[in-house]
Protein backbone atom coordinates (compact mmCIF):
# COMPACT_ATOMS: atom_id res chain seq x y z
CA MET A 1 -0.17 -0.45 -0.11
CA GLY A 2 1.05 3.27 -0.73
CA THR A 3 0.46 6.39 1.89
CA ILE A 4 -0.53 9.61 1.42
CA ARG A 5 -0.10 13.09 3.72
CA ILE A 6 -2.72 15.92 4.71
CA HIS A 7 -0.54 18.75 4.23
CA ASN A 8 -3.88 21.05 4.54
CA PRO A 9 -7.06 19.43 4.76
CA GLY A 10 -8.90 23.29 2.58
CA LEU A 11 -12.19 23.63 4.20
CA LEU A 12 -13.63 20.41 4.36
CA THR A 13 -12.06 17.05 2.82
CA THR A 14 -13.67 13.37 3.48
CA VAL A 15 -13.56 10.47 2.35
CA GLN A 16 -17.01 9.58 0.99
CA ASP A 17 -18.44 7.04 -1.78
CA LEU A 18 -21.47 5.89 -3.07
CA GLY A 19 -23.15 5.72 0.57
CA ARG A 20 -24.55 3.15 3.34
CA PHE A 21 -27.81 1.66 2.14
CA GLY A 22 -30.16 -0.69 3.91
CA TYR A 23 -29.83 0.90 7.48
CA GLN A 24 -31.61 3.95 7.57
CA GLN A 25 -35.09 2.00 9.53
CA PHE A 26 -32.39 1.48 12.77
CA GLY A 27 -31.79 5.54 12.04
CA MET A 28 -28.21 5.11 10.55
CA PRO A 29 -28.03 7.95 7.01
CA VAL A 30 -26.84 7.19 4.03
CA ALA A 31 -24.04 10.02 3.81
CA GLY A 32 -22.23 9.33 0.69
CA ALA A 33 -20.44 11.45 -1.89
CA MET A 34 -23.09 15.08 -2.88
CA ASP A 35 -22.08 14.48 -6.39
CA THR A 36 -22.49 10.65 -7.12
CA TYR A 37 -21.45 11.13 -11.01
CA SER A 38 -18.15 13.18 -11.13
CA LEU A 39 -17.40 9.95 -8.02
CA LYS A 40 -18.22 7.13 -10.43
CA LEU A 41 -15.96 9.43 -13.35
CA ALA A 42 -12.55 10.27 -10.70
CA ASN A 43 -13.16 6.15 -9.74
CA TYR A 44 -13.61 5.36 -13.91
CA LEU A 45 -10.55 7.47 -14.69
CA VAL A 46 -8.34 5.16 -12.08
CA GLY A 47 -9.47 1.50 -13.04
CA ASN A 48 -11.61 1.07 -9.70
CA HIS A 49 -14.86 0.21 -9.37
CA ARG A 50 -17.56 3.23 -9.62
CA GLY A 51 -18.13 3.16 -6.05
CA GLU A 52 -14.83 3.27 -4.63
CA ALA A 53 -14.28 6.21 -1.75
CA CYS A 54 -12.50 9.32 -2.88
CA LEU A 55 -11.91 12.36 -1.17
CA GLU A 56 -15.04 14.71 -1.64
CA ALA A 57 -13.42 18.23 -1.33
CA SER A 58 -15.75 21.66 -0.49
CA ILE A 59 -14.88 24.68 -1.57
CA MET A 60 -11.19 24.43 -0.93
CA GLY A 61 -9.05 21.52 -2.03
CA PRO A 62 -6.31 20.11 0.08
CA GLU A 63 -2.50 19.97 -0.20
CA ILE A 64 -1.37 16.42 -0.25
CA GLU A 65 1.97 14.96 -0.12
CA PHE A 66 2.94 11.82 -2.13
CA LEU A 67 4.79 9.37 0.19
CA ALA A 68 4.62 6.50 -2.91
CA ASP A 69 4.01 6.77 -6.60
CA ALA A 70 0.25 6.85 -7.88
CA LEU A 71 -1.88 6.33 -9.65
CA ILE A 72 -4.90 9.24 -9.10
CA ALA A 73 -7.50 11.84 -11.08
CA VAL A 74 -9.11 14.19 -9.96
CA CYS A 75 -13.03 15.55 -11.60
CA GLY A 76 -16.26 17.31 -10.38
CA ALA A 77 -15.92 20.95 -9.73
CA GLU A 78 -13.88 23.42 -11.83
CA ALA A 79 -10.63 24.66 -9.81
CA PRO A 80 -6.45 25.17 -10.45
CA LEU A 81 -4.73 22.06 -10.05
CA LEU A 82 -0.83 21.95 -9.20
CA LEU A 83 1.23 19.21 -9.12
CA ASN A 84 4.58 20.83 -7.57
CA ASP A 85 3.68 23.95 -8.61
CA LEU A 86 2.98 23.25 -12.32
CA GLU A 87 -0.60 22.98 -13.14
CA ILE A 88 -1.80 20.14 -14.61
CA GLU A 89 -5.11 19.27 -15.93
CA MET A 90 -8.57 17.70 -14.34
CA ASN A 91 -10.43 15.05 -15.42
CA THR A 92 -7.25 12.57 -16.60
CA SER A 93 -5.67 9.78 -15.21
CA LEU A 94 -2.57 11.27 -13.40
CA GLN A 95 0.58 9.23 -12.55
CA ILE A 96 2.20 10.63 -9.05
CA GLN A 97 5.65 9.83 -8.38
CA LYS A 98 6.62 9.60 -4.72
CA GLY A 99 7.93 12.69 -2.85
CA ASP A 100 5.28 14.57 -5.65
CA VAL A 101 2.60 17.14 -4.31
CA LEU A 102 -0.71 17.91 -5.04
CA ARG A 103 -2.49 21.33 -4.48
CA PHE A 104 -5.56 22.91 -5.72
CA GLY A 105 -6.29 27.04 -5.63
CA MET A 106 -9.61 28.11 -4.76
CA ILE A 107 -12.83 26.30 -6.64
CA LYS A 108 -13.57 28.52 -9.23
CA LYS A 109 -16.94 26.99 -10.81
CA GLY A 110 -18.82 24.55 -8.44
CA CYS A 111 -18.28 23.55 -5.26
CA ARG A 112 -16.70 19.74 -4.82
CA LEU A 113 -13.47 18.11 -6.17
CA TYR A 114 -13.31 14.82 -6.01
CA ILE A 115 -9.57 12.07 -5.74
CA SER A 116 -9.87 8.80 -6.83
CA PHE A 117 -6.91 6.32 -5.89
CA ALA A 118 -6.20 3.33 -7.98
CA GLY A 119 -6.81 0.40 -5.75
CA GLY A 120 -8.75 2.77 -3.72
CA ILE A 121 -8.21 4.43 0.12
CA ASP A 122 -7.94 1.67 2.37
CA ILE A 123 -9.57 2.36 5.96
CA PRO A 124 -12.40 0.11 7.48
CA ILE A 125 -15.96 -0.73 6.33
CA LEU A 126 -18.77 -0.15 8.30
CA MET A 127 -22.15 -1.51 7.57
CA GLY A 128 -20.67 -1.25 4.17
CA SER A 129 -19.28 2.08 3.30
CA LYS A 130 -16.42 3.55 3.54
CA SER A 131 -18.37 7.47 3.67
CA THR A 132 -17.70 9.61 6.79
CA TYR A 133 -20.94 10.95 8.31
CA LEU A 134 -19.52 13.82 10.32
CA ARG A 135 -22.79 14.06 12.93
CA ALA A 136 -22.14 11.04 14.86
CA ASN A 137 -18.49 11.47 14.22
CA ILE A 138 -18.50 7.46 12.43
CA GLY A 139 -17.12 6.30 9.03
CA GLY A 140 -14.27 8.22 7.32
CA PHE A 141 -11.07 8.36 8.58
CA HIS A 142 -11.59 8.56 12.35
CA GLY A 143 -14.81 10.03 11.76
CA ARG A 144 -13.88 13.23 10.75
CA ALA A 145 -12.85 16.00 8.14
CA LEU A 146 -9.34 15.58 7.23
CA LYS A 147 -6.85 17.05 9.46
CA LEU A 148 -2.88 18.82 8.70
CA GLY A 149 -0.66 15.43 9.38
CA ASP A 150 -2.90 12.94 8.75
CA GLU A 151 -1.91 10.70 6.77
CA LEU A 152 -3.68 7.54 4.73
CA SER A 153 -3.15 4.70 3.24
CA ILE A 154 -4.25 3.99 -0.84
CA GLY A 155 -3.44 1.64 -3.05
CA ASP A 156 -0.63 1.04 -5.44
CA ALA A 157 0.29 2.25 -8.71
CA PRO A 158 -0.68 0.13 -11.10
CA ARG A 159 1.94 -1.32 -12.62
CA LYS A 160 0.98 -0.94 -16.32
CA PHE A 161 -0.37 2.18 -16.56
CA VAL A 162 -3.44 3.47 -19.09
CA GLN A 163 -4.23 6.53 -20.03
CA ARG A 164 -7.25 7.81 -19.72
CA SER A 165 -9.52 11.40 -20.18
CA LEU A 166 -12.80 12.69 -19.92
CA LYS A 167 -14.67 14.91 -23.10
CA PRO A 168 -16.43 17.95 -22.19
CA MET A 169 -19.90 15.83 -23.22
CA ASP A 170 -18.80 13.64 -20.25
CA LEU A 171 -19.02 16.23 -17.64
CA LEU A 172 -21.24 16.96 -15.42
CA PRO A 173 -23.33 20.36 -16.60
CA ILE A 174 -21.97 23.71 -13.94
CA LYS A 175 -24.02 26.51 -13.45
CA THR A 176 -25.33 28.26 -10.71
CA HIS A 177 -28.45 28.70 -12.14
CA GLN A 178 -29.90 25.44 -12.94
CA HIS A 179 -33.46 23.69 -13.52
CA ILE A 180 -33.71 20.63 -11.34
CA ARG A 181 -36.96 18.19 -11.57
CA PHE A 182 -38.46 16.60 -9.40
CA ILE A 183 -41.07 13.84 -8.83
CA ALA A 184 -44.52 14.57 -7.49
CA GLY A 185 -44.04 14.13 -3.22
CA SER A 186 -45.49 12.35 -0.47
CA GLU A 187 -48.28 15.02 0.70
CA ILE A 188 -48.45 17.37 -2.54
CA SER A 189 -52.10 17.15 -1.52
CA ARG A 190 -51.22 19.19 1.60
CA PHE A 191 -50.95 22.54 -0.11
CA SER A 192 -52.34 24.50 -1.68
CA PHE A 193 -52.66 25.10 -5.68
CA GLU A 194 -51.37 28.71 -5.11
CA GLY A 195 -48.84 27.05 -3.55
CA ILE A 196 -47.94 25.14 -6.15
CA LYS A 197 -48.39 27.44 -8.58
CA THR A 198 -45.73 29.54 -6.31
CA PHE A 199 -42.86 26.68 -6.13
CA LEU A 200 -43.41 25.38 -10.43
CA ASN A 201 -43.27 29.59 -10.84
CA SER A 202 -40.68 30.25 -8.09
CA ASP A 203 -37.00 30.71 -8.79
CA TYR A 204 -34.82 30.07 -5.10
CA THR A 205 -31.78 31.36 -3.73
CA ILE A 206 -29.26 28.61 -1.71
CA SER A 207 -29.53 29.93 1.45
CA PRO A 208 -25.77 29.61 3.60
CA LYS A 209 -27.48 27.69 6.02
CA SER A 210 -27.13 24.47 3.94
CA ASP A 211 -24.73 21.92 4.16
CA ARG A 212 -24.07 18.41 3.36
CA MET A 213 -27.27 17.23 4.99
CA GLY A 214 -29.84 19.68 3.06
CA TYR A 215 -30.48 22.75 0.96
CA ARG A 216 -32.46 26.16 3.03
CA LEU A 217 -33.59 27.31 -0.36
CA SER A 218 -34.78 31.62 -0.19
CA GLY A 219 -37.51 32.91 -1.76
CA ALA A 220 -41.00 32.85 -2.36
CA LYS A 221 -43.50 31.06 0.44
CA ILE A 222 -45.35 28.05 -0.02
CA GLU A 223 -48.58 27.96 1.15
CA HIS A 224 -49.89 24.71 2.50
CA LYS A 225 -53.73 23.76 3.05
CA ASP A 226 -53.58 23.28 6.64
CA GLY A 227 -50.25 22.91 7.89
CA ALA A 228 -46.70 22.06 8.04
CA ASP A 229 -46.59 19.10 10.45
CA ILE A 230 -47.59 15.44 9.39
CA ILE A 231 -46.37 12.14 11.47
CA SER A 232 -42.95 11.72 10.82
CA SER A 233 -42.38 9.63 8.08
CA GLY A 234 -39.10 8.24 6.31
CA ILE A 235 -36.59 10.79 3.76
CA SER A 236 -35.14 9.98 0.54
CA ASN A 237 -31.73 12.13 -0.81
CA GLY A 238 -33.39 14.71 -2.34
CA ALA A 239 -36.88 15.29 -0.57
CA ILE A 240 -37.93 18.92 -0.37
CA GLN A 241 -40.05 19.65 2.89
CA VAL A 242 -41.42 22.94 2.99
CA PRO A 243 -41.80 23.50 7.20
CA ALA A 244 -44.52 26.24 8.45
CA ASP A 245 -42.65 29.29 7.54
CA GLY A 246 -43.19 28.38 4.23
CA GLU A 247 -39.56 27.96 2.72
CA PRO A 248 -38.17 24.27 1.26
CA ILE A 249 -35.36 22.42 2.37
CA ILE A 250 -33.79 20.07 0.23
CA MET A 251 -32.81 17.10 1.83
CA LEU A 252 -29.54 15.89 1.14
CA ALA A 253 -26.63 12.99 1.67
CA ASP A 254 -26.53 13.07 5.06
CA HIS A 255 -30.07 13.38 5.66
CA GLN A 256 -32.16 12.23 8.61
CA THR A 257 -33.86 9.66 7.75
CA VAL A 258 -37.07 10.21 9.62
CA GLY A 259 -39.12 14.09 9.35
CA GLY A 260 -42.31 15.54 10.13
CA TYR A 261 -42.84 17.98 7.84
CA THR A 262 -44.71 18.01 4.47
CA LYS A 263 -42.40 17.33 1.32
CA ILE A 264 -43.99 19.04 -2.10
CA ALA A 265 -41.86 17.07 -4.03
CA ASN A 266 -38.16 14.79 -4.56
CA VAL A 267 -35.65 15.77 -6.92
CA ILE A 268 -34.49 12.61 -9.35
CA THR A 269 -31.64 10.84 -8.79
CA VAL A 270 -29.89 12.19 -11.97
CA ASP A 271 -30.16 15.56 -10.86
CA LEU A 272 -28.97 15.01 -7.34
CA PRO A 273 -25.27 15.64 -9.04
CA LEU A 274 -26.32 18.81 -10.30
CA LEU A 275 -27.39 20.52 -6.78
CA GLY A 276 -23.90 18.79 -5.29
CA GLN A 277 -22.13 21.30 -7.05
CA MET A 278 -24.28 24.18 -5.86
CA LYS A 279 -23.70 26.23 -3.10
CA ALA A 280 -25.01 29.43 -1.10
CA GLY A 281 -25.80 32.69 -3.25
CA ASP A 282 -26.89 29.84 -6.12
CA THR A 283 -29.94 29.54 -7.33
CA ILE A 284 -32.90 26.87 -8.54
CA HIS A 285 -35.54 26.44 -9.88
CA PHE A 286 -38.03 23.98 -10.74
CA SER A 287 -39.99 21.75 -13.13
CA GLU A 288 -41.83 18.47 -12.70
CA ILE A 289 -41.43 15.02 -14.37
CA ARG A 290 -43.45 11.91 -14.32
CA LEU A 291 -42.03 8.82 -12.14
CA ASN A 292 -41.68 6.78 -15.56
CA GLU A 293 -39.09 9.90 -17.33
CA ALA A 294 -36.90 9.84 -14.19
CA GLN A 295 -37.02 6.13 -14.37
CA ALA A 296 -35.58 6.48 -18.17
CA LEU A 297 -33.01 8.99 -17.55
CA LEU A 298 -31.80 6.93 -15.20
CA LYS A 299 -31.60 4.41 -17.32
CA ALA A 300 -29.79 6.38 -19.75
CA GLU A 301 -26.99 7.99 -17.32
CA SER A 302 -25.86 4.43 -15.85
CA GLN A 303 -25.74 3.19 -20.07
CA GLN A 304 -23.59 6.47 -21.02
CA LEU A 305 -20.78 5.58 -18.22
CA ASN A 306 -21.94 1.90 -18.97
CA ASP A 307 -20.64 2.46 -22.48
CA LEU A 308 -17.05 5.57 -21.29
CA CYS A 309 -16.55 2.27 -19.47
CA ASN A 310 -16.74 -0.53 -22.44
CA GLN A 311 -14.34 2.49 -24.85
């Protein structure tokens, strides 16, 4: 195994994979990458399986020293990427030599970077996942964000190097204003006609009071028919709750397992990575599609990744 040393952890850098499934009935959130699409691309570039753990870095990437040769890739948000102070490209497989130092400038576009390592990150698997769940201090690297001086074990550099690169058409379309698609939520009948009309015809801004658990949105108030509270029920990734103040909250990777606010909609799976690359001040416009359309889009995305891996 190789080793990396963290010289600067960035703003928030954690170990994430696709999350831990099958434990929400016991109160354990899924966690995992906010932008699962970019994580899968980064793993493809180094020859890992799609769900292998990567480093997820938000807003400002880390500075990493390599104590052994490695093969890596960086996908997701756009940021200056420097190897030994020389700028290099993202979205391609990169051969790293022992002693090299990788660092990032501030993210210019998007919110989250994904750093993959051939052979993955060697940390314990908890409930089928390596993902960090920060609120409970479990999973990942000691259940927390990375700190100065941390050392992580990674896979060995492969003996045979396969150069892989992504084309612009392969990448996630990162924008500061996104049209996000949804299917109707389980309590949509609890909202007035005017409330639903407001939701469909308004732009919403991501609040600074947002994190991996959920995005609070500011904008036009959504009207209920008869109050916002319900008997607590299960929450899925992308569920859009509307509390009594009428401003929606999109539940995301670290969301709680149950909630007691009415759900007007649920963001479709293929649009969740778009949200994962948005940050405070970015704006969203919602549009409804049907369940069979959402399923067809997810199938098409899976086929696109399959085609990429088979090239």
